[in-house]
Amino acid sequence: MTQTSLISKERAAFHSLLLAGPLTSDSKGILSIADKGSAISRVISTELAKKLGSPRISKKGGGQTAGAAFENIVARFLRATFLSLKDLRPGSWEVLDTSTGGKVQIANFTQYEHLLRLKEKADADPDLRAILGGDYLIAPDVVVVRTSEPDKMINKSTRVVDMNTARLTPLRTTNSKGGEARFLHASVSCKWTLRSDRAQNARSEALNLLRNRKGHAPHVVAITAEPMPSRIASLALGTNDLDCVYHIALPELIDVVKQSVSDERSGQLEMLEMLVSGKRLRDISDLPLDLAI
């Protein structure tokens, strides 16, 4: 008998936690991810939930409540999967979400620590504050963090470094005046659904992460439970901001759209296939390995 892989097990656990949490159905059978004003959205949501399990009957909660629960579940999934890839990505890693308070503030990480000094200057100078605004100091939903390494670890197998060379790289804890340095390896934007300007918010955050860094760019990705391919496209299409968008259940979504959306004029299946073939949309099970690249 073939043993079930870690990622397959954790993907199933991820779906179970969604069904026990934010993925619910109201008394009329409308799913919490559905746009009740869209017949296609209602159909896709209902059939998608059936493939994942049995949603609880519950009054739809607020968007912020569902969003916070979604972030926690995504963070748990990454802790269980990405942190197990030690052979692919050796190092000291953490996965943090907004439940850890200010720890996800990008100014806490080496590439962005200059932004805190910039904020302090802007707070003291109204003219500077008016010019800069405040959008550059963001707190991503979920982050993957790497910590600098002591020379003992770097030299574990071979004497790679000494005190004469490599004195500026922040990967060496020895080079950091304040102790361990922390690097933002990945920023994961969690969008429970995609309505109005939510896609643009994710893009703006991504551009800020890329534009304001000093050092290497982190992975910048988004994950969503949005059922409508056309709305997923509002976030996934294009390049130069997000690396990729991930869906909570992409194979199931593809099956549902093929089986349930008969109106060819809707273009939902064509859009979904274009996003996948164009390498703009993947399943959540792909995310841990993509973050190891």
Protein backbone atom coordinates (compact mmCIF):
# COMPACT_ATOMS: atom_id res chain seq x y z
CA MET A 1 0.00 0.00 0.00
CA THR A 2 1.33 3.43 -0.96
CA GLN A 3 1.80 5.70 2.02
CA THR A 4 0.01 9.05 1.87
CA SER A 5 2.46 11.92 1.56
CA LEU A 6 2.87 14.67 4.13
CA ILE A 7 1.52 17.36 1.80
CA SER A 8 -1.54 15.26 0.91
CA LYS A 9 -2.28 14.69 4.59
CA GLU A 10 -1.85 18.35 5.44
CA ARG A 11 -3.94 19.44 2.47
CA ALA A 12 -6.79 17.28 3.76
CA ALA A 13 -6.30 18.69 7.26
CA PHE A 14 -6.30 22.20 5.79
CA HIS A 15 -9.70 21.58 4.19
CA SER A 16 -11.06 20.05 7.39
CA LEU A 17 -10.06 23.15 9.35
CA LEU A 18 -11.73 25.38 6.75
CA LEU A 19 -14.94 23.35 7.06
CA ALA A 20 -14.74 23.54 10.85
CA GLY A 21 -14.11 27.29 10.65
CA PRO A 22 -14.84 29.95 8.03
CA LEU A 23 -16.22 27.75 5.21
CA THR A 24 -19.88 27.53 6.20
CA SER A 25 -23.34 27.45 4.65
CA ASP A 26 -26.29 29.58 5.72
CA SER A 27 -29.83 28.26 6.20
CA LYS A 28 -30.55 28.90 2.49
CA GLY A 29 -27.56 26.83 1.36
CA ILE A 30 -25.42 29.81 0.32
CA LEU A 31 -21.74 29.25 1.07
CA SER A 32 -19.66 31.81 2.94
CA ILE A 33 -17.35 32.17 -0.07
CA ALA A 34 -20.22 32.80 -2.49
CA ASP A 35 -21.44 36.10 -3.86
CA LYS A 36 -25.15 35.68 -3.17
CA GLY A 37 -25.93 38.08 -6.02
CA SER A 38 -24.23 35.84 -8.61
CA ALA A 39 -25.85 32.58 -9.70
CA ILE A 40 -22.56 31.23 -11.09
CA SER A 41 -20.75 32.03 -7.84
CA ARG A 42 -23.43 30.26 -5.80
CA VAL A 43 -23.32 27.14 -7.97
CA ILE A 44 -19.52 26.86 -8.05
CA SER A 45 -19.28 27.47 -4.28
CA THR A 46 -21.88 24.83 -3.45
CA GLU A 47 -20.33 22.16 -5.64
CA LEU A 48 -16.81 22.99 -4.53
CA ALA A 49 -17.78 22.65 -0.86
CA LYS A 50 -19.36 19.26 -1.58
CA LYS A 51 -16.02 18.01 -2.92
CA LEU A 52 -14.25 19.13 0.25
CA GLY A 53 -16.78 17.80 2.78
CA SER A 54 -19.89 18.97 4.58
CA PRO A 55 -19.95 22.66 5.56
CA ARG A 56 -21.55 23.58 8.87
CA ILE A 57 -24.80 25.51 8.81
CA SER A 58 -23.98 28.84 10.33
CA LYS A 59 -24.82 32.50 9.97
CA LYS A 60 -22.21 34.12 7.75
CA GLY A 61 -19.60 35.84 9.88
CA GLY A 62 -17.93 39.15 9.22
CA GLY A 63 -15.26 39.40 6.55
CA GLN A 64 -12.56 40.23 9.08
CA THR A 65 -13.46 37.22 11.24
CA ALA A 66 -13.33 34.83 8.28
CA GLY A 67 -10.13 36.47 7.04
CA ALA A 68 -8.34 36.10 10.38
CA ALA A 69 -9.36 32.44 10.66
CA PHE A 70 -8.18 31.84 7.09
CA GLU A 71 -4.78 33.40 7.84
CA ASN A 72 -4.32 31.17 10.89
CA ILE A 73 -5.19 28.03 8.92
CA VAL A 74 -2.84 28.98 6.06
CA ALA A 75 -0.03 29.62 8.56
CA ARG A 76 -0.64 26.24 10.19
CA PHE A 77 -0.46 24.51 6.80
CA LEU A 78 2.87 26.15 5.99
CA ARG A 79 4.32 25.27 9.39
CA ALA A 80 3.40 21.64 8.83
CA THR A 81 4.73 21.49 5.26
CA PHE A 82 7.38 24.11 4.46
CA LEU A 83 9.15 23.65 7.80
CA SER A 84 9.50 19.95 6.92
CA LEU A 85 11.61 20.72 3.84
CA LYS A 86 14.90 20.87 5.74
CA ASP A 87 16.69 18.79 3.12
CA LEU A 88 15.68 21.24 0.40
CA ARG A 89 16.01 24.43 2.45
CA PRO A 90 18.37 24.06 5.42
CA GLY A 91 18.32 26.91 7.88
CA SER A 92 16.45 28.41 10.82
CA TRP A 93 12.87 29.14 9.76
CA GLU A 94 9.61 30.43 11.22
CA VAL A 95 6.09 30.93 9.87
CA LEU A 96 4.26 33.84 11.50
CA ASP A 97 0.78 35.29 11.06
CA THR A 98 -1.05 38.31 12.41
CA SER A 99 -1.94 36.45 15.62
CA THR A 100 1.72 36.96 16.60
CA GLY A 101 1.11 40.71 16.82
CA GLY A 102 3.74 43.11 15.52
CA LYS A 103 6.18 40.37 14.55
CA VAL A 104 4.94 40.39 10.95
CA GLN A 105 5.65 44.12 10.50
CA ILE A 106 8.11 44.28 7.60
CA ALA A 107 10.35 46.74 9.47
CA ASN A 108 11.31 43.80 11.71
CA PHE A 109 13.23 42.20 8.85
CA THR A 110 16.69 43.02 7.53
CA GLN A 111 15.59 44.10 4.05
CA TYR A 112 13.16 46.65 5.49
CA GLU A 113 14.57 47.79 8.83
CA HIS A 114 15.45 51.17 7.30
CA LEU A 115 11.71 51.86 6.98
CA LEU A 116 11.38 52.13 10.76
CA ARG A 117 13.97 54.89 10.83
CA LEU A 118 12.18 56.54 7.94
CA LYS A 119 8.90 56.37 9.85
CA GLU A 120 10.49 57.96 12.91
CA LYS A 121 11.71 60.86 10.79
CA ALA A 122 8.34 61.21 9.08
CA ASP A 123 6.50 61.21 12.42
CA ALA A 124 8.64 64.14 13.51
CA ASP A 125 8.26 66.07 10.23
CA PRO A 126 4.69 66.72 8.93
CA ASP A 127 6.00 67.82 5.52
CA LEU A 128 8.00 64.62 5.10
CA ARG A 129 5.05 62.57 6.31
CA ALA A 130 2.79 64.19 3.72
CA ILE A 131 5.26 63.36 0.94
CA LEU A 132 5.89 59.75 1.95
CA GLY A 133 2.46 58.73 3.16
CA GLY A 134 2.22 55.58 5.27
CA ASP A 135 1.70 52.75 2.81
CA TYR A 136 5.29 51.54 2.87
CA LEU A 137 5.17 50.15 6.43
CA ILE A 138 2.89 47.15 5.99
CA ALA A 139 2.15 43.97 7.92
CA PRO A 140 1.61 40.95 5.62
CA ASP A 141 -0.97 38.33 6.59
CA VAL A 142 1.48 35.42 6.83
CA VAL A 143 5.27 35.54 6.56
CA VAL A 144 8.03 32.98 6.25
CA VAL A 145 11.14 34.17 8.08
CA ARG A 146 14.74 33.01 8.05
CA THR A 147 17.21 33.79 10.83
CA SER A 148 20.92 34.43 10.34
CA GLU A 149 23.34 31.60 11.08
CA PRO A 150 26.27 31.45 13.54
CA ASP A 151 29.67 30.66 12.06
CA LYS A 152 29.62 27.34 13.89
CA MET A 153 26.67 26.25 11.75
CA ILE A 154 28.06 27.69 8.51
CA ASN A 155 31.36 25.87 9.13
CA LYS A 156 29.71 22.64 10.27
CA SER A 157 30.93 20.47 7.37
CA THR A 158 33.71 22.62 5.92
CA ARG A 159 35.41 25.80 7.12
CA VAL A 160 33.52 28.13 4.79
CA VAL A 161 34.07 31.48 6.55
CA ASP A 162 36.63 33.15 8.82
CA MET A 163 37.05 36.62 10.31
CA ASN A 164 38.93 38.00 7.30
CA THR A 165 36.29 37.70 4.55
CA ALA A 166 32.51 37.76 4.05
CA ARG A 167 32.19 40.47 6.72
CA LEU A 168 29.19 42.31 5.25
CA THR A 169 26.74 39.53 4.45
CA PRO A 170 23.83 39.56 6.93
CA LEU A 171 23.50 35.77 6.79
CA ARG A 172 26.35 35.57 9.32
CA THR A 173 25.10 36.37 12.82
CA THR A 174 28.69 37.46 13.55
CA ASN A 175 28.19 40.41 11.18
CA SER A 176 25.02 41.65 12.85
CA LYS A 177 25.49 44.32 15.52
CA GLY A 178 22.14 43.60 17.12
CA GLY A 179 22.43 39.82 17.38
CA GLU A 180 20.48 37.59 15.01
CA ALA A 181 19.32 39.10 11.74
CA ARG A 182 15.89 38.11 10.43
CA PHE A 183 15.05 37.95 6.73
CA LEU A 184 11.63 38.11 5.10
CA HIS A 185 11.69 35.03 2.89
CA ALA A 186 8.04 35.11 1.83
CA SER A 187 4.96 37.27 2.18
CA VAL A 188 1.64 35.43 1.82
CA SER A 189 -1.45 37.57 1.26
CA CYS A 190 -4.59 35.69 2.31
CA LYS A 191 -7.77 36.73 0.47
CA TRP A 192 -10.77 34.71 1.61
CA THR A 193 -12.77 36.06 -1.33
CA LEU A 194 -12.09 38.67 -3.99
CA ARG A 195 -14.52 41.56 -4.07
CA SER A 196 -14.17 45.23 -5.05
CA ASP A 197 -10.62 46.50 -4.42
CA ARG A 198 -9.16 43.52 -2.55
CA ALA A 199 -7.11 42.41 -5.54
CA GLN A 200 -5.63 45.87 -5.90
CA ASN A 201 -4.72 45.95 -2.19
CA ALA A 202 -2.70 42.76 -2.62
CA ARG A 203 -0.95 44.18 -5.68
CA SER A 204 -0.12 47.43 -3.87
CA GLU A 205 1.37 45.54 -0.94
CA ALA A 206 3.41 43.39 -3.32
CA LEU A 207 4.79 46.42 -5.15
CA ASN A 208 5.71 48.07 -1.85
CA LEU A 209 7.61 44.95 -0.77
CA LEU A 210 9.56 44.93 -4.01
CA ARG A 211 10.15 48.67 -4.26
CA ASN A 212 11.16 49.42 -0.68
CA ARG A 213 13.57 46.56 0.04
CA LYS A 214 17.31 46.74 0.66
CA GLY A 215 18.51 43.28 -0.23
CA HIS A 216 16.92 40.30 -1.90
CA ALA A 217 13.22 40.29 -2.80
CA PRO A 218 11.02 37.93 -0.82
CA HIS A 219 8.58 35.54 -2.43
CA VAL A 220 5.33 37.51 -2.78
CA VAL A 221 2.27 35.30 -3.21
CA ALA A 222 -1.46 35.29 -2.53
CA ILE A 223 -3.86 32.52 -1.61
CA THR A 224 -7.63 32.66 -1.98
CA ALA A 225 -10.82 30.65 -1.59
CA GLU A 226 -12.61 32.74 -4.24
CA PRO A 227 -14.82 30.44 -6.38
CA MET A 228 -15.15 32.64 -9.50
CA PRO A 229 -12.29 32.26 -12.02
CA SER A 230 -12.98 35.71 -13.47
CA ARG A 231 -12.43 37.26 -10.04
CA ILE A 232 -9.33 35.17 -9.38
CA ALA A 233 -8.03 36.57 -12.66
CA SER A 234 -8.32 40.11 -11.29
CA LEU A 235 -5.51 39.17 -8.91
CA ALA A 236 -3.61 36.53 -10.88
CA LEU A 237 -3.28 38.10 -14.32
CA GLY A 238 -0.16 40.06 -15.12
CA THR A 239 3.40 39.98 -13.86
CA ASN A 240 5.94 42.07 -11.91
CA ASP A 241 4.10 42.13 -8.58
CA LEU A 242 2.85 38.75 -7.30
CA ASP A 243 4.91 35.62 -7.99
CA CYS A 244 1.77 33.52 -8.27
CA VAL A 245 -1.75 33.07 -6.85
CA TYR A 246 -2.74 29.84 -5.06
CA HIS A 247 -6.22 28.41 -4.62
CA ILE A 248 -7.39 26.39 -1.64
CA ALA A 249 -8.59 23.56 -3.92
CA LEU A 250 -7.59 24.08 -7.55
CA PRO A 251 -8.15 20.54 -8.97
CA GLU A 252 -11.58 20.46 -7.34
CA LEU A 253 -12.38 23.94 -8.66
CA ILE A 254 -11.44 22.90 -12.20
CA ASP A 255 -13.70 19.83 -11.98
CA VAL A 256 -16.59 21.88 -10.62
CA VAL A 257 -16.31 24.55 -13.31
CA LYS A 258 -16.20 21.88 -16.02
CA GLN A 259 -19.27 20.13 -14.63
CA SER A 260 -21.39 22.97 -13.33
CA VAL A 261 -20.93 26.02 -15.57
CA SER A 262 -22.73 25.15 -18.80
CA ASP A 263 -23.06 28.67 -20.18
CA GLU A 264 -20.07 28.94 -22.53
CA ARG A 265 -20.53 32.70 -22.73
CA SER A 266 -19.45 33.00 -19.12
CA GLY A 267 -15.87 32.13 -20.14
CA GLN A 268 -15.13 30.81 -16.63
CA LEU A 269 -13.48 27.55 -17.70
CA GLU A 270 -11.47 29.25 -20.43
CA MET A 271 -10.24 31.82 -17.93
CA LEU A 272 -9.32 29.15 -15.38
CA GLU A 273 -7.38 27.09 -17.93
CA MET A 274 -5.54 30.20 -19.12
CA LEU A 275 -4.47 31.08 -15.58
CA VAL A 276 -3.15 27.57 -14.96
CA SER A 277 -1.37 27.16 -18.31
CA GLY A 278 0.02 30.69 -17.98
CA LYS A 279 1.62 29.76 -14.63
CA ARG A 280 -0.39 32.36 -12.73
CA LEU A 281 -2.55 30.01 -10.64
CA ARG A 282 -1.61 26.90 -8.65
CA ASP A 283 -2.98 24.75 -5.85
CA ILE A 284 -2.11 25.32 -2.20
CA SER A 285 -0.24 21.99 -2.22
CA ASP A 286 2.27 23.57 -4.63
CA LEU A 287 3.02 26.48 -2.31
CA PRO A 288 5.46 24.86 0.19
CA LEU A 289 7.70 23.55 -2.59
CA ASP A 290 7.52 26.82 -4.52
CA LEU A 291 8.70 28.64 -1.40
CA ALA A 292 11.70 26.30 -1.27
CA ILE A 293 12.95 27.62 -4.63
